[in-house]
Amino acid sequence: SAQRGVTDDVLAAIDASAREVVSDALTWAASRPLPTA
């Protein structure tokens, strides 16, 4: 923000996307089957 002029909106969007990507991955993994013998 200070040195490159990246706006708060851009940074907030990156953070929101990160939360969504991780949340989606965890929800997906929790629903997937575990290995059989």
PDB file of all heavy atoms in Angstrom:
ATOM      1  N   SER A   1       0.821  -1.203   0.000  1.00  0.00           N
ATOM      2  CA  SER A   1       0.000   0.000   0.000  1.00  0.00           C
ATOM      3  C   SER A   1       0.861   1.262   0.000  1.00  0.00           C
ATOM      4  O   SER A   1       0.631   2.186  -0.786  1.00  0.00           O
ATOM      5  CB  SER A   1      -0.922  -0.005   1.216  1.00  0.00           C
ATOM      6  OG  SER A   1      -1.684   1.176   1.282  1.00  0.00           O
ATOM      7  N   ALA A   2       1.878   1.280   0.867  1.00  0.00           N
ATOM      8  CA  ALA A   2       2.694   2.486   1.032  1.00  0.00           C
ATOM      9  C   ALA A   2       3.687   2.698  -0.103  1.00  0.00           C
ATOM     10  O   ALA A   2       3.887   3.830  -0.569  1.00  0.00           O
ATOM     11  CB  ALA A   2       3.435   2.422   2.369  1.00  0.00           C
ATOM     12  N   GLN A   3       4.313   1.631  -0.586  1.00  0.00           N
ATOM     13  CA  GLN A   3       5.395   1.770  -1.554  1.00  0.00           C
ATOM     14  C   GLN A   3       4.969   1.553  -3.000  1.00  0.00           C
ATOM     15  O   GLN A   3       5.625   2.040  -3.924  1.00  0.00           O
ATOM     16  CB  GLN A   3       6.524   0.794  -1.210  1.00  0.00           C
ATOM     17  CG  GLN A   3       7.164   1.050   0.144  1.00  0.00           C
ATOM     18  CD  GLN A   3       8.304   0.096   0.440  1.00  0.00           C
ATOM     19  OE1 GLN A   3       8.723  -0.707  -0.391  1.00  0.00           O
ATOM     20  NE2 GLN A   3       8.838   0.162   1.654  1.00  0.00           N
ATOM     21  N   ARG A   4       3.874   0.829  -3.209  1.00  0.00           N
ATOM     22  CA  ARG A   4       3.476   0.504  -4.578  1.00  0.00           C
ATOM     23  C   ARG A   4       2.077   1.024  -4.920  1.00  0.00           C
ATOM     24  O   ARG A   4       1.624   0.844  -6.044  1.00  0.00           O
ATOM     25  CB  ARG A   4       3.539  -1.008  -4.806  1.00  0.00           C
ATOM     26  CG  ARG A   4       4.956  -1.588  -4.692  1.00  0.00           C
ATOM     27  CD  ARG A   4       4.964  -3.078  -4.911  1.00  0.00           C
ATOM     28  NE  ARG A   4       6.277  -3.674  -4.745  1.00  0.00           N
ATOM     29  CZ  ARG A   4       7.161  -3.882  -5.736  1.00  0.00           C
ATOM     30  NH1 ARG A   4       6.845  -3.529  -6.967  1.00  0.00           N
ATOM     31  NH2 ARG A   4       8.328  -4.437  -5.496  1.00  0.00           N
ATOM     32  N   GLY A   5       1.421   1.625  -3.955  1.00  0.00           N
ATOM     33  CA  GLY A   5       0.115   2.217  -4.216  1.00  0.00           C
ATOM     34  C   GLY A   5      -1.002   1.222  -4.462  1.00  0.00           C
ATOM     35  O   GLY A   5      -2.022   1.556  -5.073  1.00  0.00           O
ATOM     36  N   VAL A   6      -0.845  -0.002  -4.005  1.00  0.00           N
ATOM     37  CA  VAL A   6      -1.904  -0.999  -4.155  1.00  0.00           C
ATOM     38  C   VAL A   6      -3.051  -0.609  -3.219  1.00  0.00           C
ATOM     39  O   VAL A   6      -2.841  -0.376  -2.027  1.00  0.00           O
ATOM     40  CB  VAL A   6      -1.405  -2.409  -3.824  1.00  0.00           C
ATOM     41  CG1 VAL A   6      -2.518  -3.436  -4.038  1.00  0.00           C
ATOM     42  CG2 VAL A   6      -0.196  -2.755  -4.683  1.00  0.00           C
ATOM     43  N   THR A   7      -4.249  -0.518  -3.748  1.00  0.00           N
ATOM     44  CA  THR A   7      -5.375  -0.017  -2.972  1.00  0.00           C
ATOM     45  C   THR A   7      -5.884  -1.047  -1.972  1.00  0.00           C
ATOM     46  O   THR A   7      -5.692  -2.259  -2.130  1.00  0.00           O
ATOM     47  CB  THR A   7      -6.537   0.386  -3.894  1.00  0.00           C
ATOM     48  OG1 THR A   7      -7.061  -0.788  -4.531  1.00  0.00           O
ATOM     49  CG2 THR A   7      -6.077   1.377  -4.949  1.00  0.00           C
ATOM     50  N   ASP A   8      -6.576  -0.538  -0.947  1.00  0.00           N
ATOM     51  CA  ASP A   8      -7.161  -1.423   0.047  1.00  0.00           C
ATOM     52  C   ASP A   8      -8.190  -2.359  -0.576  1.00  0.00           C
ATOM     53  O   ASP A   8      -8.338  -3.504  -0.145  1.00  0.00           O
ATOM     54  CB  ASP A   8      -7.819  -0.603   1.160  1.00  0.00           C
ATOM     55  CG  ASP A   8      -6.801   0.061   2.071  1.00  0.00           C
ATOM     56  OD1 ASP A   8      -5.626  -0.373   2.071  1.00  0.00           O
ATOM     57  OD2 ASP A   8      -7.168   1.015   2.784  1.00  0.00           O
ATOM     58  N   ASP A   9      -8.904  -1.872  -1.588  1.00  0.00           N
ATOM     59  CA  ASP A   9      -9.909  -2.708  -2.248  1.00  0.00           C
ATOM     60  C   ASP A   9      -9.264  -3.919  -2.919  1.00  0.00           C
ATOM     61  O   ASP A   9      -9.780  -5.038  -2.836  1.00  0.00           O
ATOM     62  CB  ASP A   9     -10.682  -1.896  -3.291  1.00  0.00           C
ATOM     63  CG  ASP A   9     -11.655  -0.908  -2.663  1.00  0.00           C
ATOM     64  OD1 ASP A   9     -11.936  -1.046  -1.455  1.00  0.00           O
ATOM     65  OD2 ASP A   9     -12.130  -0.009  -3.385  1.00  0.00           O
ATOM     66  N   VAL A  10      -8.126  -3.700  -3.580  1.00  0.00           N
ATOM     67  CA  VAL A  10      -7.418  -4.801  -4.237  1.00  0.00           C
ATOM     68  C   VAL A  10      -6.917  -5.797  -3.204  1.00  0.00           C
ATOM     69  O   VAL A  10      -7.071  -7.016  -3.356  1.00  0.00           O
ATOM     70  CB  VAL A  10      -6.250  -4.259  -5.088  1.00  0.00           C
ATOM     71  CG1 VAL A  10      -5.348  -5.391  -5.567  1.00  0.00           C
ATOM     72  CG2 VAL A  10      -6.779  -3.472  -6.283  1.00  0.00           C
ATOM     73  N   LEU A  11      -6.325  -5.295  -2.144  1.00  0.00           N
ATOM     74  CA  LEU A  11      -5.786  -6.172  -1.106  1.00  0.00           C
ATOM     75  C   LEU A  11      -6.897  -6.930  -0.389  1.00  0.00           C
ATOM     76  O   LEU A  11      -6.767  -8.128  -0.094  1.00  0.00           O
ATOM     77  CB  LEU A  11      -4.968  -5.357  -0.114  1.00  0.00           C
ATOM     78  CG  LEU A  11      -3.679  -4.732  -0.684  1.00  0.00           C
ATOM     79  CD1 LEU A  11      -3.113  -3.703   0.273  1.00  0.00           C
ATOM     80  CD2 LEU A  11      -2.645  -5.814  -0.987  1.00  0.00           C
ATOM     81  N   ALA A  12      -8.007  -6.250  -0.130  1.00  0.00           N
ATOM     82  CA  ALA A  12      -9.145  -6.908   0.520  1.00  0.00           C
ATOM     83  C   ALA A  12      -9.718  -8.005  -0.364  1.00  0.00           C
ATOM     84  O   ALA A  12     -10.135  -9.060   0.127  1.00  0.00           O
ATOM     85  CB  ALA A  12     -10.222  -5.883   0.872  1.00  0.00           C
ATOM     86  N   ALA A  13      -9.740  -7.771  -1.664  1.00  0.00           N
ATOM     87  CA  ALA A  13     -10.246  -8.781  -2.601  1.00  0.00           C
ATOM     88  C   ALA A  13      -9.346 -10.008  -2.615  1.00  0.00           C
ATOM     89  O   ALA A  13      -9.824 -11.149  -2.700  1.00  0.00           O
ATOM     90  CB  ALA A  13     -10.360  -8.188  -3.999  1.00  0.00           C
ATOM     91  N   ILE A  14      -8.031  -9.793  -2.526  1.00  0.00           N
ATOM     92  CA  ILE A  14      -7.088 -10.915  -2.465  1.00  0.00           C
ATOM     93  C   ILE A  14      -7.332 -11.733  -1.204  1.00  0.00           C
ATOM     94  O   ILE A  14      -7.386 -12.963  -1.240  1.00  0.00           O
ATOM     95  CB  ILE A  14      -5.639 -10.392  -2.516  1.00  0.00           C
ATOM     96  CG1 ILE A  14      -5.324  -9.818  -3.902  1.00  0.00           C
ATOM     97  CG2 ILE A  14      -4.656 -11.508  -2.155  1.00  0.00           C
ATOM     98  CD1 ILE A  14      -3.974  -9.128  -3.982  1.00  0.00           C
ATOM     99  N   ASP A  15      -7.497 -11.048  -0.073  1.00  0.00           N
ATOM    100  CA  ASP A  15      -7.736 -11.743   1.193  1.00  0.00           C
ATOM    101  C   ASP A  15      -9.050 -12.522   1.160  1.00  0.00           C
ATOM    102  O   ASP A  15      -9.121 -13.660   1.640  1.00  0.00           O
ATOM    103  CB  ASP A  15      -7.754 -10.739   2.343  1.00  0.00           C
ATOM    104  CG  ASP A  15      -6.399 -10.093   2.591  1.00  0.00           C
ATOM    105  OD1 ASP A  15      -5.375 -10.680   2.165  1.00  0.00           O
ATOM    106  OD2 ASP A  15      -6.354  -9.016   3.205  1.00  0.00           O
ATOM    107  N   ALA A  16     -10.078 -11.912   0.592  1.00  0.00           N
ATOM    108  CA  ALA A  16     -11.378 -12.582   0.516  1.00  0.00           C
ATOM    109  C   ALA A  16     -11.300 -13.822  -0.369  1.00  0.00           C
ATOM    110  O   ALA A  16     -11.880 -14.868  -0.051  1.00  0.00           O
ATOM    111  CB  ALA A  16     -12.433 -11.611  -0.011  1.00  0.00           C
ATOM    112  N   SER A  17     -10.576 -13.706  -1.474  1.00  0.00           N
ATOM    113  CA  SER A  17     -10.406 -14.844  -2.375  1.00  0.00           C
ATOM    114  C   SER A  17      -9.654 -15.975  -1.681  1.00  0.00           C
ATOM    115  O   SER A  17      -9.996 -17.153  -1.834  1.00  0.00           O
ATOM    116  CB  SER A  17      -9.659 -14.408  -3.632  1.00  0.00           C
ATOM    117  OG  SER A  17      -9.402 -15.500  -4.480  1.00  0.00           O
ATOM    118  N   ALA A  18      -8.623 -15.615  -0.914  1.00  0.00           N
ATOM    119  CA  ALA A  18      -7.854 -16.627  -0.186  1.00  0.00           C
ATOM    120  C   ALA A  18      -8.740 -17.374   0.799  1.00  0.00           C
ATOM    121  O   ALA A  18      -8.683 -18.608   0.899  1.00  0.00           O
ATOM    122  CB  ALA A  18      -6.687 -15.974   0.540  1.00  0.00           C
ATOM    123  N   ARG A  19      -9.572 -16.638   1.532  1.00  0.00           N
ATOM    124  CA  ARG A  19     -10.473 -17.280   2.492  1.00  0.00           C
ATOM    125  C   ARG A  19     -11.430 -18.240   1.785  1.00  0.00           C
ATOM    126  O   ARG A  19     -11.673 -19.352   2.254  1.00  0.00           O
ATOM    127  CB  ARG A  19     -11.278 -16.218   3.254  1.00  0.00           C
ATOM    128  CG  ARG A  19     -10.498 -15.490   4.320  1.00  0.00           C
ATOM    129  CD  ARG A  19     -11.391 -14.683   5.222  1.00  0.00           C
ATOM    130  NE  ARG A  19     -12.057 -13.600   4.501  1.00  0.00           N
ATOM    131  CZ  ARG A  19     -11.545 -12.393   4.329  1.00  0.00           C
ATOM    132  NH1 ARG A  19     -10.346 -12.100   4.821  1.00  0.00           N
ATOM    133  NH2 ARG A  19     -12.213 -11.465   3.669  1.00  0.00           N
ATOM    134  N   GLU A  20     -11.948 -17.811   0.642  1.00  0.00           N
ATOM    135  CA  GLU A  20     -12.900 -18.636  -0.097  1.00  0.00           C
ATOM    136  C   GLU A  20     -12.237 -19.893  -0.651  1.00  0.00           C
ATOM    137  O   GLU A  20     -12.802 -20.994  -0.570  1.00  0.00           O
ATOM    138  CB  GLU A  20     -13.517 -17.827  -1.229  1.00  0.00           C
ATOM    139  CG  GLU A  20     -14.568 -18.580  -2.030  1.00  0.00           C
ATOM    140  CD  GLU A  20     -15.207 -17.734  -3.107  1.00  0.00           C
ATOM    141  OE1 GLU A  20     -14.894 -16.524  -3.198  1.00  0.00           O
ATOM    142  OE2 GLU A  20     -16.019 -18.276  -3.873  1.00  0.00           O
ATOM    143  N   VAL A  21     -11.040 -19.740  -1.212  1.00  0.00           N
ATOM    144  CA  VAL A  21     -10.326 -20.883  -1.788  1.00  0.00           C
ATOM    145  C   VAL A  21     -10.029 -21.925  -0.709  1.00  0.00           C
ATOM    146  O   VAL A  21     -10.239 -23.128  -0.904  1.00  0.00           O
ATOM    147  CB  VAL A  21      -9.020 -20.420  -2.473  1.00  0.00           C
ATOM    148  CG1 VAL A  21      -8.118 -21.614  -2.780  1.00  0.00           C
ATOM    149  CG2 VAL A  21      -9.332 -19.660  -3.752  1.00  0.00           C
ATOM    150  N   VAL A  22      -9.548 -21.470   0.429  1.00  0.00           N
ATOM    151  CA  VAL A  22      -9.207 -22.404   1.506  1.00  0.00           C
ATOM    152  C   VAL A  22     -10.464 -23.043   2.084  1.00  0.00           C
ATOM    153  O   VAL A  22     -10.508 -24.259   2.304  1.00  0.00           O
ATOM    154  CB  VAL A  22      -8.406 -21.681   2.604  1.00  0.00           C
ATOM    155  CG1 VAL A  22      -8.207 -22.595   3.811  1.00  0.00           C
ATOM    156  CG2 VAL A  22      -7.055 -21.218   2.059  1.00  0.00           C
ATOM    157  N   SER A  23     -11.488 -22.242   2.325  1.00  0.00           N
ATOM    158  CA  SER A  23     -12.736 -22.781   2.876  1.00  0.00           C
ATOM    159  C   SER A  23     -13.341 -23.824   1.947  1.00  0.00           C
ATOM    160  O   SER A  23     -13.792 -24.893   2.397  1.00  0.00           O
ATOM    161  CB  SER A  23     -13.737 -21.645   3.108  1.00  0.00           C
ATOM    162  OG  SER A  23     -14.964 -22.140   3.592  1.00  0.00           O
ATOM    163  N   ASP A  24     -13.333 -23.538   0.655  1.00  0.00           N
ATOM    164  CA  ASP A  24     -13.856 -24.483  -0.327  1.00  0.00           C
ATOM    165  C   ASP A  24     -13.058 -25.782  -0.310  1.00  0.00           C
ATOM    166  O   ASP A  24     -13.629 -26.879  -0.365  1.00  0.00           O
ATOM    167  CB  ASP A  24     -13.816 -23.853  -1.722  1.00  0.00           C
ATOM    168  CG  ASP A  24     -14.222 -24.830  -2.817  1.00  0.00           C
ATOM    169  OD1 ASP A  24     -15.421 -25.118  -2.937  1.00  0.00           O
ATOM    170  OD2 ASP A  24     -13.319 -25.314  -3.533  1.00  0.00           O
ATOM    171  N   ALA A  25     -11.728 -25.664  -0.222  1.00  0.00           N
ATOM    172  CA  ALA A  25     -10.878 -26.856  -0.226  1.00  0.00           C
ATOM    173  C   ALA A  25     -11.121 -27.718   1.014  1.00  0.00           C
ATOM    174  O   ALA A  25     -11.180 -28.953   0.930  1.00  0.00           O
ATOM    175  CB  ALA A  25      -9.407 -26.450  -0.303  1.00  0.00           C
ATOM    176  N   LEU A  26     -11.282 -27.079   2.171  1.00  0.00           N
ATOM    177  CA  LEU A  26     -11.501 -27.837   3.401  1.00  0.00           C
ATOM    178  C   LEU A  26     -12.870 -28.519   3.398  1.00  0.00           C
ATOM    179  O   LEU A  26     -13.006 -29.669   3.835  1.00  0.00           O
ATOM    180  CB  LEU A  26     -11.373 -26.915   4.614  1.00  0.00           C
ATOM    181  CG  LEU A  26      -9.971 -26.374   4.909  1.00  0.00           C
ATOM    182  CD1 LEU A  26     -10.009 -25.425   6.096  1.00  0.00           C
ATOM    183  CD2 LEU A  26      -8.996 -27.494   5.177  1.00  0.00           C
ATOM    184  N   THR A  27     -13.872 -27.808   2.905  1.00  0.00           N
ATOM    185  CA  THR A  27     -15.206 -28.408   2.811  1.00  0.00           C
ATOM    186  C   THR A  27     -15.195 -29.612   1.875  1.00  0.00           C
ATOM    187  O   THR A  27     -15.773 -30.665   2.165  1.00  0.00           O
ATOM    188  CB  THR A  27     -16.228 -27.369   2.312  1.00  0.00           C
ATOM    189  OG1 THR A  27     -16.266 -26.266   3.231  1.00  0.00           O
ATOM    190  CG2 THR A  27     -17.612 -27.974   2.192  1.00  0.00           C
ATOM    191  N   TRP A  28     -14.503 -29.442   0.758  1.00  0.00           N
ATOM    192  CA  TRP A  28     -14.393 -30.537  -0.220  1.00  0.00           C
ATOM    193  C   TRP A  28     -13.658 -31.730   0.385  1.00  0.00           C
ATOM    194  O   TRP A  28     -14.115 -32.870   0.290  1.00  0.00           O
ATOM    195  CB  TRP A  28     -13.661 -30.028  -1.456  1.00  0.00           C
ATOM    196  CG  TRP A  28     -13.209 -31.103  -2.386  1.00  0.00           C
ATOM    197  CD1 TRP A  28     -13.967 -31.770  -3.322  1.00  0.00           C
ATOM    198  CD2 TRP A  28     -11.897 -31.666  -2.479  1.00  0.00           C
ATOM    199  NE1 TRP A  28     -13.199 -32.698  -3.987  1.00  0.00           N
ATOM    200  CE2 TRP A  28     -11.932 -32.649  -3.493  1.00  0.00           C
ATOM    201  CE3 TRP A  28     -10.695 -31.415  -1.823  1.00  0.00           C
ATOM    202  CZ2 TRP A  28     -10.803 -33.389  -3.845  1.00  0.00           C
ATOM    203  CZ3 TRP A  28      -9.578 -32.143  -2.163  1.00  0.00           C
ATOM    204  CH2 TRP A  28      -9.640 -33.120  -3.167  1.00  0.00           C
ATOM    205  N   ALA A  29     -12.519 -31.483   1.030  1.00  0.00           N
ATOM    206  CA  ALA A  29     -11.715 -32.581   1.582  1.00  0.00           C
ATOM    207  C   ALA A  29     -12.477 -33.337   2.666  1.00  0.00           C
ATOM    208  O   ALA A  29     -12.378 -34.565   2.766  1.00  0.00           O
ATOM    209  CB  ALA A  29     -10.404 -32.044   2.139  1.00  0.00           C
ATOM    210  N   ALA A  30     -13.255 -32.603   3.477  1.00  0.00           N
ATOM    211  CA  ALA A  30     -14.008 -33.246   4.550  1.00  0.00           C
ATOM    212  C   ALA A  30     -15.091 -34.177   4.013  1.00  0.00           C
ATOM    213  O   ALA A  30     -15.528 -35.098   4.714  1.00  0.00           O
ATOM    214  CB  ALA A  30     -14.632 -32.192   5.457  1.00  0.00           C
ATOM    215  N   SER A  31     -15.500 -33.952   2.772  1.00  0.00           N
ATOM    216  CA  SER A  31     -16.568 -34.767   2.185  1.00  0.00           C
ATOM    217  C   SER A  31     -16.046 -35.949   1.377  1.00  0.00           C
ATOM    218  O   SER A  31     -16.823 -36.794   0.930  1.00  0.00           O
ATOM    219  CB  SER A  31     -17.431 -33.898   1.260  1.00  0.00           C
ATOM    220  OG  SER A  31     -16.708 -33.520   0.087  1.00  0.00           O
ATOM    221  N   ARG A  32     -14.735 -36.024   1.194  1.00  0.00           N
ATOM    222  CA  ARG A  32     -14.157 -37.049   0.347  1.00  0.00           C
ATOM    223  C   ARG A  32     -13.884 -38.328   1.146  1.00  0.00           C
ATOM    224  O   ARG A  32     -13.612 -38.279   2.344  1.00  0.00           O
ATOM    225  CB  ARG A  32     -12.854 -36.546  -0.289  1.00  0.00           C
ATOM    226  CG  ARG A  32     -13.051 -35.350  -1.187  1.00  0.00           C
ATOM    227  CD  ARG A  32     -13.953 -35.692  -2.361  1.00  0.00           C
ATOM    228  NE  ARG A  32     -13.342 -36.727  -3.191  1.00  0.00           N
ATOM    229  CZ  ARG A  32     -14.016 -37.550  -3.975  1.00  0.00           C
ATOM    230  NH1 ARG A  32     -15.327 -37.497  -4.043  1.00  0.00           N
ATOM    231  NH2 ARG A  32     -13.375 -38.447  -4.707  1.00  0.00           N
ATOM    232  N   PRO A  33     -13.945 -39.482   0.475  1.00  0.00           N
ATOM    233  CA  PRO A  33     -13.750 -40.750   1.201  1.00  0.00           C
ATOM    234  C   PRO A  33     -12.304 -40.962   1.627  1.00  0.00           C
ATOM    235  O   PRO A  33     -11.362 -40.494   0.969  1.00  0.00           O
ATOM    236  CB  PRO A  33     -14.179 -41.801   0.179  1.00  0.00           C
ATOM    237  CG  PRO A  33     -13.998 -41.148  -1.161  1.00  0.00           C
ATOM    238  CD  PRO A  33     -14.300 -39.694  -0.941  1.00  0.00           C
ATOM    239  N   LEU A  34     -12.154 -41.678   2.736  1.00  0.00           N
ATOM    240  CA  LEU A  34     -10.830 -42.103   3.187  1.00  0.00           C
ATOM    241  C   LEU A  34     -10.445 -43.379   2.450  1.00  0.00           C
ATOM    242  O   LEU A  34     -11.295 -44.065   1.885  1.00  0.00           O
ATOM    243  CB  LEU A  34     -10.846 -42.335   4.697  1.00  0.00           C
ATOM    244  CG  LEU A  34     -11.173 -41.118   5.559  1.00  0.00           C
ATOM    245  CD1 LEU A  34     -11.238 -41.512   7.023  1.00  0.00           C
ATOM    246  CD2 LEU A  34     -10.167 -40.001   5.336  1.00  0.00           C
ATOM    247  N   PRO A  35      -9.174 -43.725   2.433  1.00  0.00           N
ATOM    248  CA  PRO A  35      -8.751 -44.920   1.693  1.00  0.00           C
ATOM    249  C   PRO A  35      -9.266 -46.205   2.335  1.00  0.00           C
ATOM    250  O   PRO A  35      -9.428 -46.288   3.558  1.00  0.00           O
ATOM    251  CB  PRO A  35      -7.225 -44.853   1.762  1.00  0.00           C
ATOM    252  CG  PRO A  35      -6.929 -44.030   2.967  1.00  0.00           C
ATOM    253  CD  PRO A  35      -8.026 -43.024   3.036  1.00  0.00           C
ATOM    254  N   THR A  36      -9.508 -47.179   1.509  1.00  0.00           N
ATOM    255  CA  THR A  36      -9.861 -48.512   1.991  1.00  0.00           C
ATOM    256  C   THR A  36      -8.571 -49.282   2.296  1.00  0.00           C
ATOM    257  O   THR A  36      -7.465 -48.819   1.991  1.00  0.00           O
ATOM    258  CB  THR A  36     -10.657 -49.283   0.931  1.00  0.00           C
ATOM    259  OG1 THR A  36      -9.809 -49.486  -0.219  1.00  0.00           O
ATOM    260  CG2 THR A  36     -11.905 -48.504   0.514  1.00  0.00           C
ATOM    261  N   ALA A  37      -8.712 -50.457   2.876  1.00  0.00           N
ATOM    262  CA  ALA A  37      -7.541 -51.297   3.143  1.00  0.00           C
ATOM    263  C   ALA A  37      -6.820 -51.633   1.842  1.00  0.00           C
ATOM    264  O   ALA A  37      -5.590 -51.673   1.784  1.00  0.00           O
ATOM    265  CB  ALA A  37      -7.966 -52.567   3.866  1.00  0.00           C
TER     266      ALA A  37
END
